Amino acid sequence: MVPEGCVRLRGAIELIGARWSGAILNALFEGNLRYCDIRAAIPGISDTMLAQRLRDLELRGVVLRSVSPGPPTRVEYRLTEMGLELHPILTSISAWSRRWIPIAREGAASLPGLASVPSKEGAARA
């Protein structure tokens, strides 16, 4: 049997690690945003993917979608208490990644392989 802590950790990693979820959360850390503002903050995300990720984050209780009636109808997204609690966690992961995860150079392997990117130890020996 898998320990409960492992199951929860896996669920958390899958939640924040889903494609584009981190970028969406990062945008929403700035405050309430309309769909078009989130889209503008994340270059390269498609409308389909953004809508799908927002729905998923809403279903999981991380994002709240609110609709204000009246012409024009205004839809805003904001982080719930659960979503706001991710801010220091993602800030720490971001700081860790700046120290330990190399950015792939043109023509080099990118995550997850990193095969052609030398490690810090290998670079220090060279």
N, C-alpha and C. Protein backbone atom coordinates (compact mmCIF):
# COMPACT_ATOMS: atom_id res chain seq x y z
N MET A 1 0.84 -1.18 0.00
CA MET A 1 0.00 0.00 0.00
C MET A 1 0.89 1.25 0.00
N VAL A 2 0.52 2.23 -0.80
CA VAL A 2 1.27 3.48 -0.91
C VAL A 2 0.90 4.38 0.27
N PRO A 3 1.90 4.94 0.95
CA PRO A 3 1.60 5.84 2.07
C PRO A 3 0.74 7.04 1.63
N GLU A 4 -0.14 7.46 2.51
CA GLU A 4 -1.06 8.56 2.20
C GLU A 4 -0.31 9.83 1.80
N GLY A 5 0.81 10.10 2.46
CA GLY A 5 1.61 11.29 2.14
C GLY A 5 2.11 11.28 0.71
N CYS A 6 2.48 10.10 0.22
CA CYS A 6 2.94 9.99 -1.18
C CYS A 6 1.81 10.26 -2.15
N VAL A 7 0.63 9.76 -1.84
CA VAL A 7 -0.53 9.97 -2.70
C VAL A 7 -0.87 11.46 -2.76
N ARG A 8 -0.85 12.11 -1.61
CA ARG A 8 -1.16 13.55 -1.58
C ARG A 8 -0.10 14.36 -2.31
N LEU A 9 1.18 14.02 -2.11
CA LEU A 9 2.26 14.73 -2.80
C LEU A 9 2.13 14.57 -4.31
N ARG A 10 1.86 13.36 -4.74
CA ARG A 10 1.69 13.12 -6.17
C ARG A 10 0.54 13.96 -6.73
N GLY A 11 -0.57 14.02 -5.99
CA GLY A 11 -1.71 14.83 -6.42
C GLY A 11 -1.35 16.31 -6.51
N ALA A 12 -0.58 16.80 -5.55
CA ALA A 12 -0.16 18.20 -5.55
C ALA A 12 0.76 18.50 -6.73
N ILE A 13 1.71 17.60 -6.96
CA ILE A 13 2.64 17.79 -8.08
C ILE A 13 1.89 17.78 -9.41
N GLU A 14 0.94 16.86 -9.56
CA GLU A 14 0.15 16.81 -10.79
C GLU A 14 -0.70 18.07 -10.96
N LEU A 15 -1.20 18.61 -9.86
CA LEU A 15 -2.02 19.82 -9.94
C LEU A 15 -1.20 21.01 -10.43
N ILE A 16 -0.08 21.28 -9.80
CA ILE A 16 0.70 22.45 -10.19
C ILE A 16 1.58 22.19 -11.39
N GLY A 17 1.83 20.91 -11.68
CA GLY A 17 2.71 20.58 -12.79
C GLY A 17 2.00 20.38 -14.12
N ALA A 18 0.68 20.42 -14.12
CA ALA A 18 -0.06 20.26 -15.38
C ALA A 18 0.33 21.41 -16.31
N ARG A 19 0.45 21.09 -17.57
CA ARG A 19 0.90 22.07 -18.55
C ARG A 19 0.13 23.38 -18.42
N TRP A 20 0.85 24.46 -18.33
CA TRP A 20 0.36 25.84 -18.24
C TRP A 20 -0.25 26.22 -16.88
N SER A 21 -0.49 25.27 -16.00
CA SER A 21 -1.12 25.61 -14.72
C SER A 21 -0.26 26.57 -13.90
N GLY A 22 1.04 26.34 -13.86
CA GLY A 22 1.93 27.24 -13.12
C GLY A 22 1.89 28.65 -13.67
N ALA A 23 1.87 28.77 -14.99
CA ALA A 23 1.82 30.11 -15.61
C ALA A 23 0.50 30.81 -15.29
N ILE A 24 -0.59 30.05 -15.30
CA ILE A 24 -1.90 30.63 -14.97
C ILE A 24 -1.92 31.08 -13.52
N LEU A 25 -1.44 30.22 -12.64
CA LEU A 25 -1.39 30.60 -11.22
C LEU A 25 -0.52 31.84 -11.02
N ASN A 26 0.61 31.86 -11.68
CA ASN A 26 1.51 33.00 -11.57
C ASN A 26 0.81 34.29 -12.01
N ALA A 27 0.06 34.24 -13.07
CA ALA A 27 -0.68 35.42 -13.53
C ALA A 27 -1.72 35.84 -12.49
N LEU A 28 -2.41 34.86 -11.92
CA LEU A 28 -3.47 35.16 -10.96
C LEU A 28 -2.94 35.59 -9.59
N PHE A 29 -1.66 35.36 -9.32
CA PHE A 29 -1.08 35.86 -8.08
C PHE A 29 -1.10 37.39 -8.07
N GLU A 30 -1.21 38.00 -9.25
CA GLU A 30 -1.27 39.46 -9.35
C GLU A 30 -2.65 40.01 -8.96
N GLY A 31 -3.67 39.16 -8.90
CA GLY A 31 -5.01 39.59 -8.53
C GLY A 31 -6.06 39.06 -9.49
N ASN A 32 -7.28 39.55 -9.33
CA ASN A 32 -8.39 39.13 -10.19
C ASN A 32 -8.10 39.53 -11.62
N LEU A 33 -8.35 38.61 -12.55
CA LEU A 33 -8.09 38.89 -13.96
C LEU A 33 -9.22 38.35 -14.83
N ARG A 34 -9.46 39.04 -15.92
CA ARG A 34 -10.38 38.56 -16.94
C ARG A 34 -9.63 37.57 -17.82
N TYR A 35 -10.38 36.78 -18.55
CA TYR A 35 -9.80 35.76 -19.42
C TYR A 35 -8.77 36.37 -20.36
N CYS A 36 -9.12 37.49 -21.00
CA CYS A 36 -8.21 38.11 -21.97
C CYS A 36 -6.93 38.59 -21.30
N ASP A 37 -7.00 39.00 -20.04
CA ASP A 37 -5.80 39.45 -19.32
C ASP A 37 -4.88 38.27 -19.00
N ILE A 38 -5.48 37.13 -18.64
CA ILE A 38 -4.68 35.93 -18.38
C ILE A 38 -4.01 35.50 -19.68
N ARG A 39 -4.77 35.49 -20.75
CA ARG A 39 -4.24 35.09 -22.07
C ARG A 39 -3.07 35.99 -22.47
N ALA A 40 -3.21 37.29 -22.25
CA ALA A 40 -2.14 38.24 -22.61
C ALA A 40 -0.89 38.03 -21.75
N ALA A 41 -1.09 37.56 -20.52
CA ALA A 41 0.05 37.37 -19.60
C ALA A 41 0.83 36.10 -19.90
N ILE A 42 0.27 35.22 -20.75
CA ILE A 42 0.91 33.93 -21.01
C ILE A 42 1.08 33.74 -22.51
N PRO A 43 2.17 34.24 -23.07
CA PRO A 43 2.40 34.07 -24.50
C PRO A 43 2.51 32.59 -24.87
N GLY A 44 1.87 32.23 -25.96
CA GLY A 44 1.98 30.87 -26.46
C GLY A 44 0.87 29.93 -26.04
N ILE A 45 0.04 30.31 -25.08
CA ILE A 45 -1.05 29.44 -24.67
C ILE A 45 -2.23 29.63 -25.63
N SER A 46 -2.84 28.53 -26.02
CA SER A 46 -4.00 28.61 -26.92
C SER A 46 -5.26 28.88 -26.10
N ASP A 47 -6.28 29.38 -26.77
CA ASP A 47 -7.56 29.61 -26.10
C ASP A 47 -8.13 28.31 -25.54
N THR A 48 -8.01 27.25 -26.31
CA THR A 48 -8.53 25.95 -25.88
C THR A 48 -7.82 25.48 -24.62
N MET A 49 -6.50 25.57 -24.60
CA MET A 49 -5.73 25.12 -23.44
C MET A 49 -6.02 25.99 -22.23
N LEU A 50 -6.10 27.30 -22.42
CA LEU A 50 -6.39 28.19 -21.30
C LEU A 50 -7.75 27.88 -20.70
N ALA A 51 -8.75 27.71 -21.54
CA ALA A 51 -10.10 27.40 -21.05
C ALA A 51 -10.10 26.06 -20.31
N GLN A 52 -9.41 25.08 -20.86
CA GLN A 52 -9.34 23.76 -20.23
C GLN A 52 -8.65 23.83 -18.87
N ARG A 53 -7.52 24.51 -18.80
CA ARG A 53 -6.78 24.63 -17.54
C ARG A 53 -7.58 25.40 -16.50
N LEU A 54 -8.22 26.50 -16.92
CA LEU A 54 -9.04 27.27 -15.96
C LEU A 54 -10.18 26.43 -15.41
N ARG A 55 -10.84 25.65 -16.28
CA ARG A 55 -11.92 24.77 -15.82
C ARG A 55 -11.39 23.74 -14.82
N ASP A 56 -10.24 23.15 -15.13
CA ASP A 56 -9.65 22.16 -14.24
C ASP A 56 -9.29 22.77 -12.89
N LEU A 57 -8.65 23.93 -12.91
CA LEU A 57 -8.28 24.59 -11.66
C LEU A 57 -9.51 25.01 -10.86
N GLU A 58 -10.58 25.37 -11.56
CA GLU A 58 -11.84 25.72 -10.89
C GLU A 58 -12.46 24.47 -10.25
N LEU A 59 -12.50 23.36 -10.99
CA LEU A 59 -13.06 22.12 -10.45
C LEU A 59 -12.28 21.62 -9.24
N ARG A 60 -10.98 21.87 -9.21
CA ARG A 60 -10.15 21.42 -8.10
C ARG A 60 -10.16 22.40 -6.92
N GLY A 61 -10.87 23.51 -7.07
CA GLY A 61 -11.01 24.45 -5.96
C GLY A 61 -9.88 25.44 -5.81
N VAL A 62 -9.06 25.60 -6.85
CA VAL A 62 -7.92 26.51 -6.80
C VAL A 62 -8.28 27.88 -7.34
N VAL A 63 -9.16 27.92 -8.33
CA VAL A 63 -9.57 29.16 -8.99
C VAL A 63 -11.07 29.30 -8.86
N LEU A 64 -11.51 30.53 -8.68
CA LEU A 64 -12.94 30.84 -8.64
C LEU A 64 -13.28 31.70 -9.84
N ARG A 65 -14.30 31.31 -10.56
CA ARG A 65 -14.80 32.07 -11.73
C ARG A 65 -16.04 32.80 -11.28
N SER A 66 -16.05 34.12 -11.47
CA SER A 66 -17.24 34.90 -11.11
C SER A 66 -17.74 35.67 -12.33
N VAL A 67 -19.05 35.66 -12.48
CA VAL A 67 -19.69 36.33 -13.61
C VAL A 67 -20.50 37.50 -13.08
N SER A 68 -20.21 38.70 -13.61
CA SER A 68 -20.98 39.89 -13.26
C SER A 68 -21.91 40.19 -14.42
N PRO A 69 -23.21 40.26 -14.15
CA PRO A 69 -24.17 40.46 -15.24
C PRO A 69 -24.15 41.89 -15.77
N GLY A 70 -24.75 42.01 -16.88
CA GLY A 70 -25.11 43.32 -17.36
C GLY A 70 -24.24 43.86 -18.42
N PRO A 71 -24.72 44.51 -19.38
CA PRO A 71 -23.90 44.63 -20.58
C PRO A 71 -22.64 45.43 -20.31
N PRO A 72 -21.52 44.92 -20.71
CA PRO A 72 -21.31 43.53 -21.14
C PRO A 72 -21.13 42.64 -19.93
N THR A 73 -21.39 41.36 -20.14
CA THR A 73 -21.15 40.39 -19.07
C THR A 73 -19.66 40.35 -18.80
N ARG A 74 -19.30 40.36 -17.53
CA ARG A 74 -17.89 40.39 -17.14
C ARG A 74 -17.56 39.11 -16.37
N VAL A 75 -16.58 38.37 -16.86
CA VAL A 75 -16.13 37.14 -16.19
C VAL A 75 -14.73 37.39 -15.68
N GLU A 76 -14.55 37.14 -14.38
CA GLU A 76 -13.24 37.29 -13.76
C GLU A 76 -12.84 36.00 -13.08
N TYR A 77 -11.54 35.81 -13.00
CA TYR A 77 -10.98 34.66 -12.31
C TYR A 77 -10.13 35.16 -11.16
N ARG A 78 -10.19 34.44 -10.05
CA ARG A 78 -9.35 34.77 -8.91
C ARG A 78 -8.98 33.50 -8.19
N LEU A 79 -7.95 33.57 -7.40
CA LEU A 79 -7.51 32.41 -6.64
C LEU A 79 -8.34 32.27 -5.37
N THR A 80 -8.66 31.04 -5.03
CA THR A 80 -9.32 30.75 -3.76
C THR A 80 -8.26 30.77 -2.66
N GLU A 81 -8.68 30.51 -1.45
CA GLU A 81 -7.72 30.41 -0.35
C GLU A 81 -6.69 29.32 -0.65
N MET A 82 -7.15 28.20 -1.20
CA MET A 82 -6.23 27.11 -1.56
C MET A 82 -5.22 27.59 -2.60
N GLY A 83 -5.70 28.33 -3.60
CA GLY A 83 -4.81 28.84 -4.63
C GLY A 83 -3.81 29.84 -4.10
N LEU A 84 -4.26 30.72 -3.23
CA LEU A 84 -3.37 31.73 -2.64
C LEU A 84 -2.27 31.08 -1.81
N GLU A 85 -2.57 29.96 -1.16
CA GLU A 85 -1.56 29.26 -0.36
C GLU A 85 -0.45 28.66 -1.22
N LEU A 86 -0.67 28.57 -2.52
CA LEU A 86 0.37 28.06 -3.42
C LEU A 86 1.45 29.10 -3.72
N HIS A 87 1.18 30.37 -3.46
CA HIS A 87 2.13 31.42 -3.82
C HIS A 87 3.53 31.20 -3.23
N PRO A 88 3.67 31.03 -1.91
CA PRO A 88 5.03 30.83 -1.39
C PRO A 88 5.66 29.53 -1.88
N ILE A 89 4.85 28.52 -2.14
CA ILE A 89 5.36 27.24 -2.63
C ILE A 89 5.93 27.40 -4.03
N LEU A 90 5.16 28.04 -4.91
CA LEU A 90 5.64 28.23 -6.28
C LEU A 90 6.79 29.22 -6.35
N THR A 91 6.82 30.18 -5.45
CA THR A 91 7.95 31.10 -5.38
C THR A 91 9.22 30.34 -5.00
N SER A 92 9.10 29.42 -4.05
CA SER A 92 10.26 28.60 -3.65
C SER A 92 10.70 27.68 -4.78
N ILE A 93 9.76 27.06 -5.46
CA ILE A 93 10.10 26.19 -6.59
C ILE A 93 10.78 26.99 -7.69
N SER A 94 10.28 28.19 -7.94
CA SER A 94 10.88 29.05 -8.96
C SER A 94 12.33 29.40 -8.60
N ALA A 95 12.57 29.75 -7.34
CA ALA A 95 13.93 30.07 -6.89
C ALA A 95 14.83 28.84 -7.02
N TRP A 96 14.33 27.69 -6.63
CA TRP A 96 15.09 26.45 -6.75
C TRP A 96 15.42 26.18 -8.22
N SER A 97 14.45 26.37 -9.11
CA SER A 97 14.67 26.08 -10.53
C SER A 97 15.70 27.01 -11.14
N ARG A 98 15.71 28.27 -10.70
CA ARG A 98 16.73 29.21 -11.22
C ARG A 98 18.14 28.76 -10.83
N ARG A 99 18.25 28.10 -9.70
CA ARG A 99 19.56 27.64 -9.26
C ARG A 99 19.95 26.31 -9.92
N TRP A 100 19.03 25.41 -10.10
CA TRP A 100 19.38 24.04 -10.46
C TRP A 100 18.92 23.56 -11.84
N ILE A 101 17.97 24.20 -12.45
CA ILE A 101 17.46 23.71 -13.74
C ILE A 101 18.00 24.60 -14.86
N PRO A 102 18.86 24.04 -15.69
CA PRO A 102 19.43 24.85 -16.78
C PRO A 102 18.38 25.12 -17.86
N ILE A 103 18.56 26.22 -18.53
CA ILE A 103 17.71 26.54 -19.68
C ILE A 103 18.41 25.94 -20.89
N ALA A 104 17.67 25.18 -21.66
CA ALA A 104 18.26 24.51 -22.82
C ALA A 104 18.73 25.54 -23.83
N ARG A 105 19.95 25.33 -24.29
CA ARG A 105 20.47 26.17 -25.36
C ARG A 105 19.90 25.66 -26.67
N GLU A 106 19.96 26.49 -27.70
CA GLU A 106 19.46 26.08 -29.00
C GLU A 106 20.18 24.82 -29.45
N GLY A 107 19.43 23.81 -29.81
CA GLY A 107 20.00 22.55 -30.26
C GLY A 107 20.33 21.60 -29.12
N ALA A 108 20.21 22.04 -27.87
CA ALA A 108 20.51 21.18 -26.72
C ALA A 108 19.23 20.51 -26.25
N ALA A 109 19.41 19.45 -25.50
CA ALA A 109 18.25 18.75 -24.95
C ALA A 109 17.57 19.64 -23.92
N SER A 110 16.28 19.53 -23.83
CA SER A 110 15.55 20.26 -22.80
C SER A 110 14.94 19.23 -21.86
N LEU A 111 14.31 19.69 -20.80
CA LEU A 111 13.70 18.76 -19.85
C LEU A 111 12.81 17.78 -20.59
N PRO A 112 12.66 16.56 -20.18
CA PRO A 112 13.22 16.00 -18.99
C PRO A 112 14.60 15.40 -19.17
N GLY A 113 15.10 15.21 -20.37
CA GLY A 113 16.37 14.52 -20.57
C GLY A 113 17.58 15.26 -20.06
N LEU A 114 17.75 16.50 -20.43
CA LEU A 114 18.89 17.31 -20.06
C LEU A 114 20.22 16.65 -20.42
N ALA A 115 20.18 15.68 -21.33
CA ALA A 115 21.37 14.88 -21.64
C ALA A 115 22.53 15.73 -22.14
N SER A 116 22.25 16.72 -22.98
CA SER A 116 23.37 17.47 -23.55
C SER A 116 23.68 18.74 -22.77
N VAL A 117 23.02 18.94 -21.64
CA VAL A 117 23.30 20.10 -20.80
C VAL A 117 24.16 19.63 -19.65
N PRO A 118 25.37 20.15 -19.50
CA PRO A 118 26.25 19.67 -18.44
C PRO A 118 25.70 20.02 -17.06
N SER A 119 25.94 19.15 -16.11
CA SER A 119 25.53 19.43 -14.74
C SER A 119 26.46 20.48 -14.16
N LYS A 120 26.09 21.04 -13.01
CA LYS A 120 26.93 22.01 -12.34
C LYS A 120 28.28 21.39 -11.98
N GLU A 121 28.25 20.12 -11.55
CA GLU A 121 29.49 19.45 -11.18
C GLU A 121 30.38 19.27 -12.40
N GLY A 122 29.78 18.84 -13.52
CA GLY A 122 30.52 18.63 -14.75
C GLY A 122 31.10 19.93 -15.29
N ALA A 123 30.33 21.01 -15.19
CA ALA A 123 30.79 22.31 -15.65
C ALA A 123 31.94 22.81 -14.79
N ALA A 124 31.89 22.51 -13.49
CA ALA A 124 32.96 22.96 -12.59
C ALA A 124 34.26 22.23 -12.87
N ARG A 125 34.17 20.97 -13.30
CA ARG A 125 35.37 20.18 -13.61
C ARG A 125 35.98 20.57 -14.94
N ALA A 126 35.17 21.10 -15.84
CA ALA A 126 35.65 21.40 -17.19
C ALA A 126 36.55 22.62 -17.24
